[in-house]
Amino acid sequence: MKRERGRGLVQFLDTPWPILAVFVLALALRLINLSGRPMWYDEAFAVLYAEKPFETMVYGTVAQVEG
């Protein structure tokens, strides 16, 4: 009886639908925010410090980093 239950899944996987579904999902995930610009770590750091007062910005750039 269990063999009968799994037969539908095997038949479904033999069709092109699973591959098409994965392709459509990958395409949708890629197209989300495609026009947006990615922000790298150093750019994000620069934006973070640009919003700070001048004294904080200078201190944050000249302070010794431990680690």
N, C-alpha and C. Protein backbone atom coordinates (compact mmCIF):
# COMPACT_ATOMS: atom_id res chain seq x y z
N MET A 1 0.83 -1.19 0.00
CA MET A 1 0.00 0.00 0.00
C MET A 1 0.88 1.26 0.00
N LYS A 2 1.98 1.26 0.75
CA LYS A 2 2.86 2.42 0.77
C LYS A 2 3.51 2.64 -0.59
N ARG A 3 3.75 1.57 -1.30
CA ARG A 3 4.34 1.69 -2.62
C ARG A 3 3.40 2.44 -3.57
N GLU A 4 2.12 2.24 -3.42
CA GLU A 4 1.12 2.94 -4.24
C GLU A 4 1.12 4.44 -3.93
N ARG A 5 1.29 4.77 -2.67
CA ARG A 5 1.26 6.17 -2.26
C ARG A 5 2.44 6.95 -2.83
N GLY A 6 3.58 6.35 -2.91
CA GLY A 6 4.78 7.02 -3.41
C GLY A 6 4.85 7.08 -4.92
N ARG A 7 4.02 6.33 -5.59
CA ARG A 7 4.07 6.28 -7.05
C ARG A 7 3.70 7.63 -7.66
N GLY A 8 2.74 8.33 -7.07
CA GLY A 8 2.35 9.64 -7.60
C GLY A 8 3.48 10.65 -7.53
N LEU A 9 4.25 10.58 -6.45
CA LEU A 9 5.39 11.49 -6.30
C LEU A 9 6.44 11.19 -7.35
N VAL A 10 6.72 9.92 -7.57
CA VAL A 10 7.71 9.54 -8.58
C VAL A 10 7.26 9.99 -9.96
N GLN A 11 5.99 9.82 -10.26
CA GLN A 11 5.48 10.26 -11.56
C GLN A 11 5.56 11.78 -11.69
N PHE A 12 5.29 12.49 -10.61
CA PHE A 12 5.38 13.95 -10.64
C PHE A 12 6.81 14.40 -10.87
N LEU A 13 7.77 13.73 -10.22
CA LEU A 13 9.17 14.11 -10.37
C LEU A 13 9.70 13.77 -11.76
N ASP A 14 9.05 12.86 -12.47
CA ASP A 14 9.47 12.53 -13.83
C ASP A 14 9.01 13.57 -14.84
N THR A 15 8.14 14.47 -14.45
CA THR A 15 7.66 15.52 -15.35
C THR A 15 8.58 16.73 -15.24
N PRO A 16 8.49 17.66 -16.17
CA PRO A 16 9.34 18.86 -16.11
C PRO A 16 8.88 19.90 -15.09
N TRP A 17 7.76 19.67 -14.41
CA TRP A 17 7.23 20.68 -13.49
C TRP A 17 8.14 21.01 -12.31
N PRO A 18 8.78 20.05 -11.67
CA PRO A 18 9.67 20.44 -10.55
C PRO A 18 10.82 21.33 -11.00
N ILE A 19 11.39 21.03 -12.14
CA ILE A 19 12.50 21.85 -12.65
C ILE A 19 11.99 23.25 -12.99
N LEU A 20 10.82 23.31 -13.61
CA LEU A 20 10.23 24.60 -13.95
C LEU A 20 9.90 25.41 -12.70
N ALA A 21 9.41 24.73 -11.66
CA ALA A 21 9.08 25.42 -10.41
C ALA A 21 10.34 26.00 -9.76
N VAL A 22 11.42 25.24 -9.75
CA VAL A 22 12.68 25.73 -9.17
C VAL A 22 13.20 26.90 -10.00
N PHE A 23 13.11 26.81 -11.31
CA PHE A 23 13.56 27.89 -12.17
C PHE A 23 12.77 29.16 -11.94
N VAL A 24 11.45 29.05 -11.85
CA VAL A 24 10.61 30.23 -11.63
C VAL A 24 10.89 30.84 -10.26
N LEU A 25 11.07 30.00 -9.24
CA LEU A 25 11.39 30.51 -7.91
C LEU A 25 12.73 31.23 -7.91
N ALA A 26 13.74 30.65 -8.56
CA ALA A 26 15.05 31.28 -8.62
C ALA A 26 14.98 32.60 -9.38
N LEU A 27 14.22 32.64 -10.46
CA LEU A 27 14.07 33.87 -11.23
C LEU A 27 13.38 34.95 -10.41
N ALA A 28 12.34 34.57 -9.69
CA ALA A 28 11.62 35.54 -8.86
C ALA A 28 12.53 36.10 -7.77
N LEU A 29 13.31 35.24 -7.14
CA LEU A 29 14.22 35.71 -6.09
C LEU A 29 15.31 36.61 -6.67
N ARG A 30 15.73 36.35 -7.88
CA ARG A 30 16.76 37.18 -8.51
C ARG A 30 16.20 38.54 -8.92
N LEU A 31 14.95 38.57 -9.37
CA LEU A 31 14.38 39.82 -9.86
C LEU A 31 13.95 40.76 -8.75
N ILE A 32 13.81 40.24 -7.54
CA ILE A 32 13.44 41.10 -6.42
C ILE A 32 14.59 42.08 -6.17
N ASN A 33 14.28 43.34 -6.20
CA ASN A 33 15.25 44.41 -5.95
C ASN A 33 16.44 44.37 -6.92
N LEU A 34 16.18 43.95 -8.15
CA LEU A 34 17.25 43.91 -9.14
C LEU A 34 17.76 45.30 -9.49
N SER A 35 16.86 46.28 -9.46
CA SER A 35 17.27 47.63 -9.80
C SER A 35 17.98 48.33 -8.64
N GLY A 36 17.89 47.78 -7.45
CA GLY A 36 18.56 48.38 -6.30
C GLY A 36 20.05 48.13 -6.35
N ARG A 37 20.79 49.03 -5.76
CA ARG A 37 22.24 48.87 -5.74
C ARG A 37 22.65 48.12 -4.48
N PRO A 38 23.50 47.14 -4.61
CA PRO A 38 23.98 46.46 -3.41
C PRO A 38 24.94 47.37 -2.64
N MET A 39 24.91 47.26 -1.33
CA MET A 39 25.79 48.08 -0.52
C MET A 39 26.81 47.16 0.15
N TRP A 40 28.07 47.40 -0.13
CA TRP A 40 29.13 46.62 0.46
C TRP A 40 29.37 47.08 1.90
N TYR A 41 30.16 46.31 2.62
CA TYR A 41 30.41 46.59 4.04
C TYR A 41 31.04 47.96 4.23
N ASP A 42 32.05 48.28 3.43
CA ASP A 42 32.73 49.56 3.62
C ASP A 42 31.82 50.74 3.26
N GLU A 43 30.95 50.55 2.28
CA GLU A 43 30.01 51.62 1.94
C GLU A 43 28.98 51.81 3.06
N ALA A 44 28.52 50.71 3.62
CA ALA A 44 27.56 50.80 4.72
C ALA A 44 28.21 51.48 5.92
N PHE A 45 29.48 51.18 6.17
CA PHE A 45 30.22 51.79 7.26
C PHE A 45 30.36 53.29 7.03
N ALA A 46 30.62 53.69 5.78
CA ALA A 46 30.75 55.11 5.46
C ALA A 46 29.41 55.83 5.65
N VAL A 47 28.32 55.20 5.25
CA VAL A 47 27.00 55.81 5.43
C VAL A 47 26.69 55.95 6.92
N LEU A 48 27.03 54.93 7.69
CA LEU A 48 26.79 54.97 9.14
C LEU A 48 27.53 56.15 9.77
N TYR A 49 28.80 56.32 9.42
CA TYR A 49 29.58 57.41 10.02
C TYR A 49 29.22 58.77 9.44
N ALA A 50 28.70 58.83 8.23
CA ALA A 50 28.30 60.11 7.65
C ALA A 50 27.11 60.71 8.38
N GLU A 51 26.33 59.87 9.03
CA GLU A 51 25.17 60.35 9.78
C GLU A 51 25.54 60.84 11.18
N LYS A 52 26.76 60.57 11.61
CA LYS A 52 27.21 60.94 12.97
C LYS A 52 27.73 62.37 12.99
N PRO A 53 27.79 62.97 14.16
CA PRO A 53 28.45 64.28 14.29
C PRO A 53 29.94 64.16 13.94
N PHE A 54 30.54 65.28 13.58
CA PHE A 54 31.93 65.28 13.12
C PHE A 54 32.88 64.67 14.15
N GLU A 55 32.72 65.04 15.42
CA GLU A 55 33.62 64.54 16.47
C GLU A 55 33.53 63.02 16.58
N THR A 56 32.32 62.49 16.52
CA THR A 56 32.14 61.04 16.62
C THR A 56 32.73 60.35 15.40
N MET A 57 32.58 60.96 14.24
CA MET A 57 33.12 60.38 13.02
C MET A 57 34.65 60.31 13.09
N VAL A 58 35.28 61.39 13.54
CA VAL A 58 36.73 61.40 13.64
C VAL A 58 37.20 60.40 14.68
N TYR A 59 36.54 60.36 15.83
CA TYR A 59 36.94 59.42 16.87
C TYR A 59 36.79 57.98 16.37
N GLY A 60 35.73 57.70 15.66
CA GLY A 60 35.50 56.34 15.17
C GLY A 60 36.49 55.90 14.12
N THR A 61 37.09 56.85 13.41
CA THR A 61 38.05 56.48 12.38
C THR A 61 39.49 56.43 12.89
N VAL A 62 39.79 57.12 13.99
CA VAL A 62 41.16 57.12 14.49
C VAL A 62 41.34 56.26 15.74
N ALA A 63 40.26 55.77 16.32
CA ALA A 63 40.37 54.95 17.53
C ALA A 63 40.99 53.60 17.19
N GLN A 64 41.82 53.11 18.10
CA GLN A 64 42.47 51.83 17.90
C GLN A 64 41.45 50.70 18.01
N VAL A 65 41.54 49.78 17.09
CA VAL A 65 40.63 48.63 17.08
C VAL A 65 41.37 47.45 17.68
N GLU A 66 40.77 46.83 18.67
CA GLU A 66 41.39 45.67 19.30
C GLU A 66 40.69 44.41 18.81
N GLY A 67 41.46 43.38 18.63
CA GLY A 67 40.83 42.12 18.23
C GLY A 67 41.62 41.43 17.29
